[in-house]
């Protein structure tokens, strides 16, 4: 293929890409509108993040069930990613307490399918991760990070950044399981903070690490005795 023909093909490909991008805007807008319209109807909710691979009746699955159940008994609803694993556990706990059980699902080639404990009126499917994260960020009055993988770490650092930069109102963020999260926090303290000074001492204090459902509920109750319940932005 000569260089001129190659360039012509590439220009045509690029023009098609630009046209496709313009139409994507409408799909993104549709997902935002559906999410805002649906979630504007919910009351105070706590989001539970965690691995889709966590099996039922394991330590952290059962802990997520207990946390969600106890939170709903205190008047909160629960939001998860709507899939299996920890997400299923969170929705199951909410349902056991007859609480609000919201699922913000994402279309993936593997792992993800809506769990049976999401309330049918609050089951939303997304194509775009970033739109889905807008919904978590706006409508949650607290964030609980259960053990998870890449997706959970993505959510962990994005939420931590939004809290640290005050892009939302001060919002509780909790990591569950000192045995799971302790190494990461040691690295952030020893390397990010003390060795390279890439974060401030107060940044790590924005996130709590607990091991029990009772600690979580007590922390949220205390926090919202002193702070107003409101959307994050």
Protein backbone atom coordinates (compact mmCIF):
# COMPACT_ATOMS: atom_id res chain seq x y z
CA UNK A 1 0.00 0.00 0.00
CA UNK A 2 1.46 3.36 -1.01
CA UNK A 3 1.61 6.17 1.53
CA UNK A 4 -1.05 8.26 -0.24
CA UNK A 5 -3.63 5.45 -0.25
CA UNK A 6 -2.84 4.63 3.37
CA UNK A 7 -3.36 8.26 4.39
CA UNK A 8 -6.70 8.41 2.53
CA UNK A 9 -7.96 5.31 4.36
CA UNK A 10 -6.84 6.66 7.71
CA UNK A 11 -8.58 9.99 7.08
CA UNK A 12 -11.80 8.16 6.22
CA UNK A 13 -11.52 6.05 9.40
CA UNK A 14 -10.96 9.18 11.46
CA UNK A 15 -13.97 10.95 9.95
CA UNK A 16 -16.16 7.96 10.83
CA UNK A 17 -14.79 7.99 14.36
CA UNK A 18 -15.66 11.67 14.78
CA UNK A 19 -19.21 11.09 13.54
CA UNK A 20 -19.64 8.19 15.96
CA UNK A 21 -18.38 10.34 18.84
CA UNK A 22 -21.03 12.97 18.15
CA UNK A 23 -23.81 10.41 18.44
CA UNK A 24 -22.28 9.03 21.64
CA UNK A 25 -23.10 12.31 23.36
CA UNK A 26 -26.83 11.52 23.12
CA UNK A 27 -26.36 8.05 24.60
CA UNK A 28 -24.33 9.50 27.47
CA UNK A 29 -26.99 12.16 28.07
CA UNK A 30 -29.71 9.50 28.10
CA UNK A 31 -27.86 7.51 30.78
CA UNK A 32 -27.36 10.63 32.88
CA UNK A 33 -31.01 11.63 32.62
CA UNK A 34 -32.28 8.15 33.51
CA UNK A 35 -29.92 7.95 36.47
CA UNK A 36 -30.81 11.40 37.81
CA UNK A 37 -34.56 10.86 37.34
CA UNK A 38 -34.54 7.49 39.08
CA UNK A 39 -32.18 8.25 41.95
CA UNK A 40 -33.75 11.61 42.76
CA UNK A 41 -36.57 9.53 44.28
CA UNK A 42 -34.41 7.76 46.88
CA UNK A 43 -33.67 8.91 50.40
CA UNK A 44 -30.34 8.74 52.28
CA UNK A 45 -28.28 5.79 51.04
CA UNK A 46 -24.88 4.23 51.66
CA UNK A 47 -22.92 2.69 48.79
CA UNK A 48 -21.18 -0.64 49.31
CA UNK A 49 -18.34 -1.39 46.88
CA UNK A 50 -16.51 -4.71 46.61
CA UNK A 51 -15.56 -7.69 44.51
CA UNK A 52 -17.98 -9.43 42.18
CA UNK A 53 -15.99 -12.62 42.79
CA UNK A 54 -16.68 -12.97 46.51
CA UNK A 55 -18.58 -16.19 47.10
CA UNK A 56 -21.75 -16.50 49.22
CA UNK A 57 -21.37 -17.53 52.85
CA UNK A 58 -17.75 -16.39 53.06
CA UNK A 59 -16.39 -13.96 55.64
CA UNK A 60 -16.72 -10.73 53.70
CA UNK A 61 -19.93 -11.71 51.94
CA UNK A 62 -21.61 -12.30 55.30
CA UNK A 63 -20.10 -9.11 56.69
CA UNK A 64 -21.55 -7.09 53.78
CA UNK A 65 -24.97 -8.66 54.41
CA UNK A 66 -24.80 -7.67 58.10
CA UNK A 67 -23.63 -4.13 57.36
CA UNK A 68 -26.39 -3.52 54.82
CA UNK A 69 -29.06 -5.01 57.05
CA UNK A 70 -27.99 -2.94 60.05
CA UNK A 71 -27.78 0.27 58.01
CA UNK A 72 -31.28 -0.23 56.63
CA UNK A 73 -32.60 -0.87 60.13
CA UNK A 74 -31.24 2.58 60.99
CA UNK A 75 -33.13 4.18 58.08
CA UNK A 76 -30.53 4.21 55.31
CA UNK A 77 -30.93 2.58 51.92
CA UNK A 78 -28.15 0.65 50.20
CA UNK A 79 -26.65 1.21 46.76
CA UNK A 80 -24.39 -1.33 45.06
CA UNK A 81 -23.16 -2.06 41.57
CA UNK A 82 -26.05 -4.50 41.26
CA UNK A 83 -23.94 -7.54 40.38
CA UNK A 84 -22.83 -10.70 42.20
CA UNK A 85 -20.41 -11.12 45.09
CA UNK A 86 -20.20 -8.26 47.58
CA UNK A 87 -22.78 -6.33 45.57
CA UNK A 88 -25.27 -9.17 45.94
CA UNK A 89 -24.51 -9.36 49.65
CA UNK A 90 -25.23 -5.65 50.11
CA UNK A 91 -28.54 -5.85 48.29
CA UNK A 92 -29.46 -9.03 50.15
CA UNK A 93 -28.87 -7.38 53.52
CA UNK A 94 -31.01 -4.43 52.49
CA UNK A 95 -33.82 -6.71 51.40
CA UNK A 96 -33.66 -8.69 54.66
CA UNK A 97 -34.33 -5.43 56.52
CA UNK A 98 -37.06 -4.39 54.07
CA UNK A 99 -34.86 -1.46 53.14
CA UNK A 100 -34.24 0.31 49.86
CA UNK A 101 -32.01 -1.84 47.64
CA UNK A 102 -30.55 -0.01 44.63
CA UNK A 103 -28.45 -1.60 41.88
CA UNK A 104 -26.41 0.41 39.37
CA UNK A 105 -25.36 -2.28 36.95
CA UNK A 106 -22.78 -2.12 34.17
CA UNK A 107 -22.73 -4.05 30.91
CA UNK A 108 -19.58 -6.22 30.89
CA UNK A 109 -18.42 -9.20 28.82
CA UNK A 110 -17.97 -11.24 32.02
CA UNK A 111 -18.81 -11.37 35.73
CA UNK A 112 -21.71 -8.95 35.78
CA UNK A 113 -25.40 -9.80 35.91
CA UNK A 114 -28.08 -8.24 38.09
CA UNK A 115 -28.48 -10.02 41.41
CA UNK A 116 -31.99 -11.01 42.57
CA UNK A 117 -32.02 -8.70 45.61
CA UNK A 118 -32.15 -5.37 43.76
CA UNK A 119 -35.50 -3.56 43.93
CA UNK A 120 -37.04 -3.68 40.45
CA UNK A 121 -37.84 0.04 40.55
CA UNK A 122 -34.22 0.92 41.26
CA UNK A 123 -32.33 -1.35 38.89
CA UNK A 124 -30.46 0.79 36.35
CA UNK A 125 -28.11 -0.49 33.64
CA UNK A 126 -25.20 1.55 32.31
CA UNK A 127 -22.80 1.22 29.39
CA UNK A 128 -20.38 3.84 30.68
CA UNK A 129 -18.38 3.42 33.88
CA UNK A 130 -17.96 7.17 34.31
CA UNK A 131 -21.71 7.86 34.16
CA UNK A 132 -22.32 5.09 36.69
CA UNK A 133 -19.70 6.59 39.01
CA UNK A 134 -21.42 9.97 38.80
CA UNK A 135 -24.54 8.32 40.23
CA UNK A 136 -22.65 6.66 43.09
CA UNK A 137 -20.89 9.92 43.84
CA UNK A 138 -23.93 12.19 43.80
CA UNK A 139 -26.50 10.12 45.66
CA UNK A 140 -24.51 8.32 48.39
CA UNK A 141 -24.26 9.68 51.91
CA UNK A 142 -21.37 7.36 52.67
CA UNK A 143 -19.07 4.84 51.02
CA UNK A 144 -18.02 1.43 52.28
CA UNK A 145 -15.11 -0.29 50.56
CA UNK A 146 -15.19 -4.04 51.02
CA UNK A 147 -12.27 -6.13 49.70
CA UNK A 148 -12.17 -6.03 45.90
CA UNK A 149 -10.06 -5.87 42.78
CA UNK A 150 -9.36 -3.35 40.02
CA UNK A 151 -12.87 -1.92 40.00
CA UNK A 152 -12.96 -1.44 43.75
CA UNK A 153 -9.55 0.22 43.70
CA UNK A 154 -10.73 2.55 40.95
CA UNK A 155 -13.73 3.51 43.07
CA UNK A 156 -11.59 3.78 46.22
CA UNK A 157 -9.14 6.30 44.76
CA UNK A 158 -11.78 8.31 42.90
CA UNK A 159 -13.98 8.71 45.98
CA UNK A 160 -10.94 9.47 48.17
CA UNK A 161 -9.84 12.14 45.67
CA UNK A 162 -13.29 13.76 45.57
CA UNK A 163 -13.42 13.91 49.36
CA UNK A 164 -9.82 15.14 49.72
CA UNK A 165 -10.28 17.90 47.12
CA UNK A 166 -13.66 18.89 48.63
CA UNK A 167 -15.43 18.33 45.36
CA UNK A 168 -18.20 16.99 47.51
CA UNK A 169 -19.46 17.74 50.92
CA UNK A 170 -17.59 15.94 53.66
CA UNK A 171 -18.74 12.35 53.27
CA UNK A 172 -17.83 9.29 55.38
CA UNK A 173 -15.61 6.71 53.71
CA UNK A 174 -14.88 3.37 55.35
CA UNK A 175 -12.69 0.42 54.39
CA UNK A 176 -13.71 -2.94 55.83
CA UNK A 177 -11.07 -5.42 56.90
CA UNK A 178 -7.77 -4.31 58.41
CA UNK A 179 -6.15 -7.52 57.18
CA UNK A 180 -7.08 -6.62 53.59
CA UNK A 181 -6.50 -2.87 53.54
CA UNK A 182 -3.70 -2.56 56.10
CA UNK A 183 -0.87 -3.10 53.62
CA UNK A 184 -2.20 -0.42 51.27
CA UNK A 185 -2.54 2.07 54.09
CA UNK A 186 0.96 1.26 55.35
CA UNK A 187 2.32 1.95 51.85
CA UNK A 188 0.38 5.21 51.56
CA UNK A 189 1.69 6.34 54.95
CA UNK A 190 5.30 5.20 54.55
CA UNK A 191 5.84 5.88 50.84
CA UNK A 192 3.27 8.40 49.58
CA UNK A 193 3.27 10.52 52.75
CA UNK A 194 6.55 10.19 54.60
CA UNK A 195 9.00 9.32 51.82
CA UNK A 196 7.68 11.35 48.89
CA UNK A 197 5.30 13.87 50.54
CA UNK A 198 2.71 13.32 47.80
CA UNK A 199 -0.20 13.52 50.24
CA UNK A 200 -0.79 15.49 53.44
CA UNK A 201 -0.95 13.95 56.93
CA UNK A 202 -4.66 14.72 57.23
CA UNK A 203 -5.53 12.91 54.00
CA UNK A 204 -5.30 9.46 55.53
CA UNK A 205 -7.54 10.55 58.38
CA UNK A 206 -10.38 11.04 55.90
CA UNK A 207 -10.76 7.25 55.63
CA UNK A 208 -11.61 4.89 58.48
CA UNK A 209 -10.77 1.17 58.65
CA UNK A 210 -13.17 -1.08 60.57
CA UNK A 211 -13.73 -4.78 61.03
CA UNK A 212 -17.32 -5.07 62.28
CA UNK A 213 -20.80 -4.03 61.21
CA UNK A 214 -21.37 -2.47 64.64
CA UNK A 215 -18.43 -0.10 64.15
CA UNK A 216 -19.80 0.98 60.77
CA UNK A 217 -23.30 1.74 62.01
CA UNK A 218 -22.01 3.58 65.08
CA UNK A 219 -19.74 5.71 62.90
CA UNK A 220 -22.50 6.70 60.48
CA UNK A 221 -24.91 7.47 63.33
CA UNK A 222 -22.34 9.69 65.02
CA UNK A 223 -21.35 11.38 61.78
CA UNK A 224 -24.92 12.29 60.84
CA UNK A 225 -25.74 13.46 64.32
CA UNK A 226 -23.23 16.22 63.65
CA UNK A 227 -23.62 16.70 59.87
CA UNK A 228 -26.48 17.36 57.48
CA UNK A 229 -27.78 14.65 55.15
CA UNK A 230 -27.52 15.98 51.60
CA UNK A 231 -26.43 15.16 48.07
CA UNK A 232 -22.71 15.45 47.48
CA UNK A 233 -22.98 17.99 44.66
